[in-house]
């Protein structure tokens, strides 16, 4: 499911996205990665929400490939004992 990257509420930490790096704006080449930080403060941006990926690359979201849901973290820890 692909979603528009111009709306901040659509972009979540841990989501897999396609971004365009500043150096690739002319060519439109997309870079795939996972969102570490959301850098744009406004709710909307016409060129895409600016994010930092887990590998440190910064660019504007063109497409959201997968969303990280609140249940994902719970599923990972289900059945595990808390650290003592």
N, C-alpha and C. Protein backbone atom coordinates (compact mmCIF):
# COMPACT_ATOMS: atom_id res chain seq x y z
N UNK A 1 0.85 -1.18 0.00
CA UNK A 1 0.00 0.00 0.00
C UNK A 1 0.89 1.24 0.00
N UNK A 2 0.78 2.08 -1.01
CA UNK A 2 1.59 3.28 -1.09
C UNK A 2 0.73 4.49 -0.73
N UNK A 3 1.32 5.41 0.04
CA UNK A 3 0.60 6.57 0.53
C UNK A 3 1.39 7.83 0.23
N UNK A 4 0.68 8.94 0.19
CA UNK A 4 1.26 10.24 -0.10
C UNK A 4 2.18 10.70 1.03
N UNK A 5 3.36 11.18 0.67
CA UNK A 5 4.34 11.63 1.64
C UNK A 5 4.31 13.11 1.92
N UNK A 6 3.25 13.82 1.50
CA UNK A 6 3.16 15.26 1.72
C UNK A 6 2.47 15.63 3.02
N UNK A 7 1.89 14.64 3.70
CA UNK A 7 1.16 14.89 4.94
C UNK A 7 1.91 14.24 6.10
N UNK A 8 2.27 15.07 7.11
CA UNK A 8 3.10 14.61 8.22
C UNK A 8 2.47 13.45 8.99
N UNK A 9 1.17 13.50 9.19
CA UNK A 9 0.51 12.45 9.98
C UNK A 9 0.56 11.09 9.27
N UNK A 10 0.84 11.07 7.97
CA UNK A 10 0.98 9.80 7.24
C UNK A 10 2.35 9.17 7.46
N UNK A 11 3.33 9.99 7.87
CA UNK A 11 4.72 9.53 8.01
C UNK A 11 4.98 9.19 9.48
N UNK A 12 5.42 7.97 9.75
CA UNK A 12 5.68 7.56 11.12
C UNK A 12 7.09 6.99 11.23
N UNK A 13 7.66 7.11 12.42
CA UNK A 13 8.98 6.50 12.66
C UNK A 13 8.85 5.00 12.46
N UNK A 14 9.82 4.42 11.80
CA UNK A 14 9.79 2.99 11.53
C UNK A 14 9.12 2.61 10.22
N UNK A 15 8.50 3.59 9.55
CA UNK A 15 7.85 3.31 8.27
C UNK A 15 8.89 3.17 7.17
N UNK A 16 8.63 2.29 6.23
CA UNK A 16 9.50 2.15 5.07
C UNK A 16 9.01 3.12 4.00
N UNK A 17 9.94 3.94 3.49
CA UNK A 17 9.56 5.02 2.58
C UNK A 17 10.52 5.11 1.39
N UNK A 18 10.09 5.85 0.38
CA UNK A 18 10.95 6.25 -0.73
C UNK A 18 11.13 7.76 -0.60
N UNK A 19 12.39 8.22 -0.55
CA UNK A 19 12.67 9.64 -0.44
C UNK A 19 13.50 10.09 -1.64
N UNK A 20 13.47 11.41 -1.87
CA UNK A 20 14.37 11.99 -2.85
C UNK A 20 15.38 12.81 -2.07
N UNK A 21 16.66 12.50 -2.29
CA UNK A 21 17.74 13.23 -1.64
C UNK A 21 17.90 14.59 -2.32
N UNK A 22 18.44 15.58 -1.61
CA UNK A 22 18.65 16.91 -2.19
C UNK A 22 19.43 16.82 -3.50
N UNK A 23 20.48 16.02 -3.51
CA UNK A 23 21.32 15.92 -4.71
C UNK A 23 20.60 15.25 -5.88
N UNK A 24 19.51 14.54 -5.59
CA UNK A 24 18.77 13.82 -6.63
C UNK A 24 17.48 14.52 -7.05
N UNK A 25 17.27 15.75 -6.57
CA UNK A 25 16.02 16.44 -6.88
C UNK A 25 15.83 16.65 -8.39
N UNK A 26 16.91 16.94 -9.09
CA UNK A 26 16.80 17.18 -10.54
C UNK A 26 16.44 15.91 -11.30
N UNK A 27 17.01 14.78 -10.89
CA UNK A 27 16.75 13.52 -11.60
C UNK A 27 15.52 12.80 -11.07
N UNK A 28 15.16 13.07 -9.82
CA UNK A 28 14.01 12.40 -9.21
C UNK A 28 14.31 10.99 -8.74
N UNK A 29 15.61 10.63 -8.69
CA UNK A 29 15.99 9.29 -8.23
C UNK A 29 15.54 9.10 -6.78
N UNK A 30 14.93 7.96 -6.51
CA UNK A 30 14.40 7.68 -5.17
C UNK A 30 15.32 6.75 -4.40
N UNK A 31 15.36 6.96 -3.09
CA UNK A 31 16.15 6.15 -2.17
C UNK A 31 15.19 5.50 -1.18
N UNK A 32 15.34 4.20 -0.98
CA UNK A 32 14.46 3.45 -0.07
C UNK A 32 15.10 3.37 1.30
N UNK A 33 14.29 3.50 2.36
CA UNK A 33 14.83 3.37 3.70
C UNK A 33 13.74 3.39 4.75
N UNK A 34 14.16 3.34 6.02
CA UNK A 34 13.25 3.32 7.15
C UNK A 34 13.41 4.63 7.92
N UNK A 35 12.28 5.27 8.27
CA UNK A 35 12.30 6.57 8.94
C UNK A 35 12.82 6.44 10.36
N UNK A 36 13.84 7.24 10.68
CA UNK A 36 14.36 7.33 12.04
C UNK A 36 13.79 8.57 12.73
N UNK A 37 13.83 9.72 12.03
CA UNK A 37 13.33 10.98 12.59
C UNK A 37 12.53 11.73 11.54
N UNK A 38 11.48 12.42 11.99
CA UNK A 38 10.70 13.29 11.12
C UNK A 38 11.18 14.71 11.38
N UNK A 39 11.68 15.38 10.34
CA UNK A 39 12.30 16.69 10.50
C UNK A 39 11.37 17.86 10.19
N UNK A 40 10.38 17.67 9.34
CA UNK A 40 9.43 18.73 9.02
C UNK A 40 8.47 18.91 10.19
N UNK A 41 8.28 20.16 10.59
CA UNK A 41 7.38 20.44 11.73
C UNK A 41 5.95 20.70 11.30
N UNK A 42 5.75 21.23 10.10
CA UNK A 42 4.39 21.54 9.64
C UNK A 42 3.65 20.26 9.25
N UNK A 43 2.33 20.32 9.23
CA UNK A 43 1.51 19.15 8.93
C UNK A 43 1.59 18.76 7.45
N UNK A 44 1.80 19.73 6.58
CA UNK A 44 1.86 19.47 5.14
C UNK A 44 3.09 20.14 4.54
N UNK A 45 3.61 19.55 3.47
CA UNK A 45 4.67 20.20 2.70
C UNK A 45 4.50 19.76 1.25
N UNK A 46 4.47 20.73 0.32
CA UNK A 46 4.19 20.40 -1.08
C UNK A 46 5.24 19.51 -1.75
N UNK A 47 6.47 19.51 -1.25
CA UNK A 47 7.54 18.70 -1.85
C UNK A 47 7.80 17.41 -1.07
N UNK A 48 7.04 17.17 0.00
CA UNK A 48 7.22 15.97 0.81
C UNK A 48 7.77 16.29 2.18
N UNK A 49 7.42 15.48 3.16
CA UNK A 49 7.88 15.64 4.54
C UNK A 49 9.35 15.25 4.60
N UNK A 50 10.17 16.11 5.22
CA UNK A 50 11.61 15.82 5.32
C UNK A 50 11.85 14.87 6.48
N UNK A 51 12.63 13.81 6.21
CA UNK A 51 12.93 12.79 7.22
C UNK A 51 14.41 12.42 7.21
N UNK A 52 14.86 11.83 8.30
CA UNK A 52 16.19 11.20 8.38
C UNK A 52 15.95 9.71 8.44
N UNK A 53 16.64 8.97 7.58
CA UNK A 53 16.52 7.52 7.58
C UNK A 53 17.45 6.90 8.60
N UNK A 54 17.29 5.62 8.88
CA UNK A 54 18.13 4.94 9.87
C UNK A 54 19.59 4.91 9.44
N UNK A 55 19.86 5.04 8.14
CA UNK A 55 21.25 5.07 7.67
C UNK A 55 21.83 6.49 7.64
N UNK A 56 21.05 7.48 8.12
CA UNK A 56 21.53 8.85 8.22
C UNK A 56 21.20 9.74 7.03
N UNK A 57 20.69 9.17 5.95
CA UNK A 57 20.36 9.97 4.77
C UNK A 57 19.13 10.83 5.07
N UNK A 58 19.12 12.06 4.52
CA UNK A 58 18.02 12.99 4.72
C UNK A 58 17.41 13.35 3.38
N UNK A 59 16.09 13.32 3.31
CA UNK A 59 15.40 13.67 2.08
C UNK A 59 13.92 13.84 2.33
N UNK A 60 13.20 14.11 1.25
CA UNK A 60 11.75 14.33 1.34
C UNK A 60 10.99 13.09 0.87
N UNK A 61 9.99 12.71 1.66
CA UNK A 61 9.21 11.51 1.38
C UNK A 61 8.37 11.71 0.12
N UNK A 62 8.53 10.79 -0.82
CA UNK A 62 7.73 10.79 -2.04
C UNK A 62 6.61 9.75 -1.93
N UNK A 63 6.92 8.61 -1.32
CA UNK A 63 5.93 7.55 -1.15
C UNK A 63 6.19 6.81 0.15
N UNK A 64 5.11 6.39 0.79
CA UNK A 64 5.21 5.56 1.98
C UNK A 64 4.86 4.14 1.55
N UNK A 65 5.79 3.23 1.78
CA UNK A 65 5.59 1.85 1.33
C UNK A 65 4.86 1.04 2.40
N UNK A 66 5.38 1.08 3.63
CA UNK A 66 4.73 0.38 4.74
C UNK A 66 4.66 1.30 5.94
N UNK A 67 3.60 1.18 6.69
CA UNK A 67 3.42 1.95 7.92
C UNK A 67 3.81 1.08 9.10
N UNK A 68 4.44 1.67 10.09
CA UNK A 68 4.66 0.96 11.35
C UNK A 68 3.42 1.21 12.19
N UNK A 69 2.78 0.15 12.62
CA UNK A 69 1.56 0.30 13.41
C UNK A 69 1.87 0.16 14.88
N UNK A 70 0.99 0.68 15.71
CA UNK A 70 1.17 0.60 17.16
C UNK A 70 1.24 -0.86 17.62
N UNK A 71 0.52 -1.74 16.95
CA UNK A 71 0.50 -3.14 17.32
C UNK A 71 1.80 -3.87 17.01
N UNK A 72 2.59 -3.35 16.11
CA UNK A 72 3.82 -4.04 15.70
C UNK A 72 4.76 -4.25 16.88
N UNK A 73 4.97 -3.23 17.68
CA UNK A 73 5.87 -3.33 18.83
C UNK A 73 5.32 -4.32 19.85
N UNK A 74 4.01 -4.29 20.06
CA UNK A 74 3.39 -5.22 21.01
C UNK A 74 3.55 -6.66 20.53
N UNK A 75 3.43 -6.87 19.22
CA UNK A 75 3.59 -8.21 18.68
C UNK A 75 5.01 -8.73 18.87
N UNK A 76 6.00 -7.86 18.75
CA UNK A 76 7.39 -8.26 18.91
C UNK A 76 7.68 -8.72 20.34
N UNK A 77 7.04 -8.06 21.32
CA UNK A 77 7.34 -8.36 22.72
C UNK A 77 6.36 -9.34 23.34
N UNK A 78 5.34 -9.76 22.60
CA UNK A 78 4.34 -10.66 23.14
C UNK A 78 5.00 -11.98 23.57
N UNK A 79 4.69 -12.40 24.76
CA UNK A 79 5.21 -13.66 25.26
C UNK A 79 6.61 -13.61 25.82
N UNK A 80 7.23 -12.45 25.77
CA UNK A 80 8.59 -12.31 26.31
C UNK A 80 8.51 -11.79 27.74
N UNK A 81 9.39 -12.27 28.58
CA UNK A 81 9.43 -11.81 29.96
C UNK A 81 10.15 -10.46 30.00
N UNK A 82 9.66 -9.54 30.84
CA UNK A 82 10.35 -8.25 30.97
C UNK A 82 11.71 -8.45 31.60
N UNK A 83 12.68 -7.58 31.26
CA UNK A 83 14.02 -7.73 31.85
C UNK A 83 13.97 -7.52 33.36
N UNK A 84 14.79 -8.29 34.08
CA UNK A 84 14.79 -8.18 35.55
C UNK A 84 16.09 -7.58 36.03
